[in-house]
Amino acid sequence: MSIFSSPPSQYAKPAVVRSVGVLSLPNSTSYTGDILGDMPNGWGILTETNGSQIEGEWRLGNPYTASGRMVYPDGTVEDGQWDYRLRAGYGTIRWPDGTVYKGTWRNIPDAPDRPDGNGTMTWPDGRTYVGHFFDGVMDGMGRMTYPDGKTVEGRWIQGKPLQPSIRQ
């Protein structure tokens, strides 16, 4: 037998079917795109009944990199991009109380993501914080501006200013 000949059929691996189509997933979720066997694999769009829609690359049934909109049961809406390898993303988070965050975030499984890294948070009362966040709170260098024009600038630790510079 030559080293270039095909292996005997008893050693041949079964073919995995690759296709493009629609999958019906649990909780009335659907996936349209590249499929490997019976799971998302490649480029596709996941659509949920709550209005969430994520488009991106899937690997063996799991999101890898994606962009789109996530809607959570509490009414929080995220528009942006996610990198599931790094458990991070970038975009806009809108909470039901009217608070809006634009910047980087950390992916939290099955829950709204948390601001993490540089971004801008605006509250319904008119306050705006521009700076660094860690695990959802102001932490690092940043500046809070109040509706009356007052600013608090400096290093923040767990949501509180540490030796701030205050300007009226």
Protein backbone atom coordinates (compact mmCIF):
# COMPACT_ATOMS: atom_id res chain seq x y z
CA MET A 1 0.00 0.00 0.00
CA SER A 2 1.39 3.39 -0.97
CA ILE A 3 1.61 6.21 1.62
CA PHE A 4 -0.40 8.33 -0.85
CA SER A 5 -3.37 5.98 -1.15
CA SER A 6 -6.67 6.52 0.67
CA PRO A 7 -7.13 4.88 4.06
CA PRO A 8 -9.36 1.82 4.23
CA SER A 9 -13.04 2.72 4.59
CA GLN A 10 -13.25 1.29 8.12
CA TYR A 11 -10.98 4.19 9.22
CA ALA A 12 -12.79 6.95 7.38
CA LYS A 13 -14.42 9.55 9.65
CA PRO A 14 -18.12 10.29 9.11
CA ALA A 15 -18.75 13.56 7.30
CA VAL A 16 -20.13 16.46 9.34
CA VAL A 17 -22.76 18.29 7.38
CA ARG A 18 -22.08 21.99 6.79
CA SER A 19 -24.95 24.07 5.53
CA VAL A 20 -26.65 27.44 5.59
CA GLY A 21 -30.11 27.61 7.04
CA VAL A 22 -32.38 28.35 9.99
CA LEU A 23 -32.28 26.66 13.39
CA SER A 24 -35.09 26.80 15.94
CA LEU A 25 -33.46 27.00 19.36
CA PRO A 26 -34.90 26.88 22.91
CA ASN A 27 -37.05 29.79 24.20
CA SER A 28 -38.38 30.61 20.71
CA THR A 29 -34.93 31.82 19.65
CA SER A 30 -33.91 31.37 16.03
CA TYR A 31 -30.56 31.38 14.29
CA THR A 32 -30.07 32.06 10.58
CA GLY A 33 -26.68 31.45 9.03
CA ASP A 34 -23.86 28.94 8.76
CA ILE A 35 -24.54 25.64 10.50
CA LEU A 36 -22.27 22.73 11.37
CA GLY A 37 -24.30 19.63 12.15
CA ASP A 38 -27.09 21.04 14.31
CA MET A 39 -25.36 24.11 15.76
CA PRO A 40 -24.43 27.66 14.71
CA ASN A 41 -20.91 27.71 13.30
CA GLY A 42 -19.67 30.54 11.09
CA TRP A 43 -21.47 33.80 10.26
CA GLY A 44 -25.08 34.18 11.36
CA ILE A 45 -27.82 36.10 13.16
CA LEU A 46 -29.47 35.07 16.44
CA THR A 47 -32.93 36.55 17.01
CA GLU A 48 -34.84 36.36 20.30
CA THR A 49 -38.52 37.09 20.90
CA ASN A 50 -37.64 40.04 23.23
CA GLY A 51 -36.12 41.99 20.33
CA SER A 52 -32.49 41.01 20.87
CA GLN A 53 -30.59 40.41 17.67
CA ILE A 54 -26.92 39.49 17.50
CA GLU A 55 -25.02 39.16 14.25
CA GLY A 56 -21.55 37.77 14.11
CA GLU A 57 -19.22 34.81 14.12
CA TRP A 58 -20.19 31.61 15.94
CA ARG A 59 -17.95 28.68 16.83
CA LEU A 60 -19.44 25.31 17.70
CA GLY A 61 -22.71 26.86 18.87
CA ASN A 62 -21.22 29.73 20.87
CA PRO A 63 -20.86 33.40 19.94
CA TYR A 64 -17.26 34.40 19.22
CA THR A 65 -17.42 38.01 18.02
CA ALA A 66 -20.69 39.79 17.39
CA SER A 67 -22.49 43.09 17.03
CA GLY A 68 -26.10 44.06 17.45
CA ARG A 69 -28.68 44.70 20.14
CA MET A 70 -29.33 42.86 23.39
CA VAL A 71 -32.55 43.44 25.32
CA TYR A 72 -32.71 42.17 28.92
CA PRO A 73 -35.81 41.27 30.98
CA ASP A 74 -35.32 44.33 33.22
CA GLY A 75 -35.55 46.61 30.16
CA THR A 76 -31.83 47.32 29.82
CA VAL A 77 -30.77 47.64 26.16
CA GLU A 78 -27.24 47.28 24.81
CA ASP A 79 -26.20 48.29 21.30
CA GLY A 80 -22.65 47.45 20.41
CA GLN A 81 -19.98 44.89 19.76
CA TRP A 82 -18.95 41.91 21.84
CA ASP A 83 -15.76 39.87 21.85
CA TYR A 84 -16.58 36.71 23.75
CA ARG A 85 -12.94 35.56 23.75
CA LEU A 86 -12.02 38.58 25.85
CA ARG A 87 -15.40 38.75 27.67
CA ALA A 88 -15.53 42.43 26.68
CA GLY A 89 -17.36 44.79 24.40
CA TYR A 90 -17.95 48.36 23.33
CA GLY A 91 -21.08 50.38 22.68
CA THR A 92 -24.04 51.93 24.48
CA ILE A 93 -25.98 50.61 27.48
CA ARG A 94 -29.37 52.19 28.30
CA TRP A 95 -30.96 51.35 31.65
CA PRO A 96 -34.72 51.67 32.31
CA ASP A 97 -34.17 54.63 34.69
CA GLY A 98 -32.74 56.70 31.80
CA THR A 99 -29.04 56.29 32.65
CA VAL A 100 -26.87 55.91 29.52
CA TYR A 101 -23.31 54.61 29.27
CA LYS A 102 -21.08 54.78 26.19
CA GLY A 103 -17.75 53.01 26.27
CA THR A 104 -16.13 49.67 26.99
CA TRP A 105 -17.77 47.00 29.11
CA ARG A 106 -17.19 43.56 30.57
CA ASN A 107 -19.49 40.74 29.49
CA ILE A 108 -21.59 39.29 32.29
CA PRO A 109 -23.33 36.00 31.36
CA ASP A 110 -27.15 36.24 31.29
CA ALA A 111 -27.18 39.79 32.68
CA PRO A 112 -26.63 43.33 31.42
CA ASP A 113 -22.93 44.01 30.96
CA ARG A 114 -21.01 46.31 33.30
CA PRO A 115 -19.05 49.43 32.41
CA ASP A 116 -15.37 48.50 32.58
CA GLY A 117 -12.63 50.64 31.06
CA ASN A 118 -13.04 54.14 29.62
CA GLY A 119 -16.45 55.61 28.99
CA THR A 120 -19.08 58.27 29.60
CA MET A 121 -22.05 57.82 31.94
CA THR A 122 -24.98 60.26 31.86
CA TRP A 123 -27.74 60.17 34.51
CA PRO A 124 -31.31 61.46 34.13
CA ASP A 125 -30.57 64.27 36.65
CA GLY A 126 -28.01 65.74 34.22
CA ARG A 127 -24.77 64.52 35.82
CA THR A 128 -22.09 63.25 33.43
CA TYR A 129 -18.98 61.28 34.35
CA VAL A 130 -16.18 60.87 31.80
CA GLY A 131 -13.37 58.55 32.81
CA HIS A 132 -12.46 55.06 33.92
CA PHE A 133 -14.82 52.42 35.31
CA PHE A 134 -14.12 49.11 37.00
CA ASP A 135 -16.80 46.48 37.48
CA GLY A 136 -19.61 48.96 36.88
CA VAL A 137 -18.44 51.81 39.14
CA MET A 138 -16.29 54.92 38.66
CA ASP A 139 -12.76 53.83 39.49
CA GLY A 140 -9.62 55.53 38.17
CA MET A 141 -9.10 58.97 36.67
CA GLY A 142 -12.27 60.83 35.75
CA ARG A 143 -14.37 63.98 35.80
CA MET A 144 -17.94 64.39 37.04
CA THR A 145 -19.82 67.39 35.70
CA TYR A 146 -23.05 68.53 37.40
CA PRO A 147 -25.97 70.39 35.76
CA ASP A 148 -24.99 73.62 37.59
CA GLY A 149 -21.52 73.50 35.92
CA LYS A 150 -19.60 72.29 38.99
CA THR A 151 -16.93 69.67 38.19
CA VAL A 152 -15.17 67.13 40.37
CA GLU A 153 -12.00 65.84 38.77
CA GLY A 154 -9.33 63.39 39.92
CA ARG A 155 -8.94 59.80 40.98
CA TRP A 156 -12.07 57.83 41.89
CA ILE A 157 -12.08 54.71 44.08
CA GLN A 158 -15.18 52.48 44.10
CA GLY A 159 -17.44 55.34 42.99
CA LYS A 160 -16.08 58.05 45.31
CA PRO A 161 -13.58 60.83 44.53
CA LEU A 162 -10.21 60.61 46.30
CA GLN A 163 -8.64 64.06 46.88
CA PRO A 164 -10.71 65.66 44.12
CA SER A 165 -10.16 68.95 42.39
CA ILE A 166 -13.50 70.79 42.61
CA ARG A 167 -14.34 73.71 40.30
CA GLN A 168 -17.45 75.86 40.57
